């Protein structure tokens, strides 16, 4: 799984990583996910995001 940087333009969600505290994400937030990030999404409002995925060695 590639690394990802995402800018959220609409909505509200929680990301529950396998390790660590949940991340509360709302419109205007920018979030970085390292390669092989795993967890569960809890979508509270429909989300729209612009994102870039890339290989990170």
C-alpha atoms as a PDB file:
ATOM      1  CA  UNK A   1       0.000   0.000   0.000  1.00  0.00           C
ATOM      2  CA  UNK A   2       1.416   3.394  -1.013  1.00  0.00           C
ATOM      3  CA  UNK A   3       1.838   6.472   1.174  1.00  0.00           C
ATOM      4  CA  UNK A   4      -0.890   9.111   0.782  1.00  0.00           C
ATOM      5  CA  UNK A   5      -1.379  12.787   1.501  1.00  0.00           C
ATOM      6  CA  UNK A   6      -5.017  13.912   1.455  1.00  0.00           C
ATOM      7  CA  UNK A   7      -6.725  17.295   1.646  1.00  0.00           C
ATOM      8  CA  UNK A   8     -10.331  16.949   2.736  1.00  0.00           C
ATOM      9  CA  UNK A   9     -12.660  19.432   1.075  1.00  0.00           C
ATOM     10  CA  UNK A  10     -16.007  18.176   2.389  1.00  0.00           C
ATOM     11  CA  UNK A  11     -17.423  16.011   5.150  1.00  0.00           C
ATOM     12  CA  UNK A  12     -16.379  14.480   8.436  1.00  0.00           C
ATOM     13  CA  UNK A  13     -14.824  11.109   9.288  1.00  0.00           C
ATOM     14  CA  UNK A  14     -12.844   9.289  11.941  1.00  0.00           C
ATOM     15  CA  UNK A  15      -9.926   7.051  11.031  1.00  0.00           C
ATOM     16  CA  UNK A  16      -9.196   4.362  13.625  1.00  0.00           C
ATOM     17  CA  UNK A  17      -5.605   3.178  12.988  1.00  0.00           C
ATOM     18  CA  UNK A  18      -4.589  -0.302  14.131  1.00  0.00           C
ATOM     19  CA  UNK A  19      -2.156   1.409  16.519  1.00  0.00           C
ATOM     20  CA  UNK A  20      -2.819   4.730  18.242  1.00  0.00           C
ATOM     21  CA  UNK A  21      -5.689   7.103  18.810  1.00  0.00           C
ATOM     22  CA  UNK A  22      -8.470   7.806  16.290  1.00  0.00           C
ATOM     23  CA  UNK A  23      -7.918  10.726  13.910  1.00  0.00           C
ATOM     24  CA  UNK A  24     -10.837  13.162  13.609  1.00  0.00           C
ATOM     25  CA  UNK A  25     -10.853  14.520  10.037  1.00  0.00           C
ATOM     26  CA  UNK A  26     -13.010  17.405   8.795  1.00  0.00           C
ATOM     27  CA  UNK A  27     -13.168  19.617   5.706  1.00  0.00           C
ATOM     28  CA  UNK A  28      -9.990  21.771   5.274  1.00  0.00           C
ATOM     29  CA  UNK A  29      -7.804  19.182   7.095  1.00  0.00           C
ATOM     30  CA  UNK A  30      -4.735  17.722   5.405  1.00  0.00           C
ATOM     31  CA  UNK A  31      -3.638  14.272   6.589  1.00  0.00           C
ATOM     32  CA  UNK A  32      -0.595  12.112   5.793  1.00  0.00           C
ATOM     33  CA  UNK A  33      -0.867   8.319   5.828  1.00  0.00           C
ATOM     34  CA  UNK A  34       2.434   6.441   5.769  1.00  0.00           C
ATOM     35  CA  UNK A  35       2.793   3.450   3.471  1.00  0.00           C
ATOM     36  CA  UNK A  36       1.056   0.329   4.793  1.00  0.00           C
ATOM     37  CA  UNK A  37      -1.210   2.356   7.115  1.00  0.00           C
ATOM     38  CA  UNK A  38      -4.085   0.179   8.241  1.00  0.00           C
ATOM     39  CA  UNK A  39      -7.261   0.895  10.128  1.00  0.00           C
ATOM     40  CA  UNK A  40     -10.999   1.389   9.857  1.00  0.00           C
ATOM     41  CA  UNK A  41     -12.921   4.384   8.571  1.00  0.00           C
ATOM     42  CA  UNK A  42     -16.012   5.727  10.304  1.00  0.00           C
ATOM     43  CA  UNK A  43     -17.666   8.155   7.879  1.00  0.00           C
ATOM     44  CA  UNK A  44     -19.923  10.602   9.742  1.00  0.00           C
ATOM     45  CA  UNK A  45     -20.714  12.814   6.704  1.00  0.00           C
ATOM     46  CA  UNK A  46     -20.039  12.173   3.020  1.00  0.00           C
ATOM     47  CA  UNK A  47     -16.343  12.887   2.399  1.00  0.00           C
ATOM     48  CA  UNK A  48     -14.658  14.409  -0.628  1.00  0.00           C
ATOM     49  CA  UNK A  49     -10.900  14.654  -0.794  1.00  0.00           C
ATOM     50  CA  UNK A  50      -8.047  15.460  -3.147  1.00  0.00           C
ATOM     51  CA  UNK A  51      -5.169  13.045  -2.652  1.00  0.00           C
ATOM     52  CA  UNK A  52      -1.793  11.987  -3.923  1.00  0.00           C
ATOM     53  CA  UNK A  53      -0.416   8.474  -3.473  1.00  0.00           C
ATOM     54  CA  UNK A  54       3.233   7.634  -3.962  1.00  0.00           C
ATOM     55  CA  UNK A  55       5.814   4.963  -3.317  1.00  0.00           C
ATOM     56  CA  UNK A  56       7.928   5.646  -0.235  1.00  0.00           C
ATOM     57  CA  UNK A  57      11.064   3.559   0.165  1.00  0.00           C
END
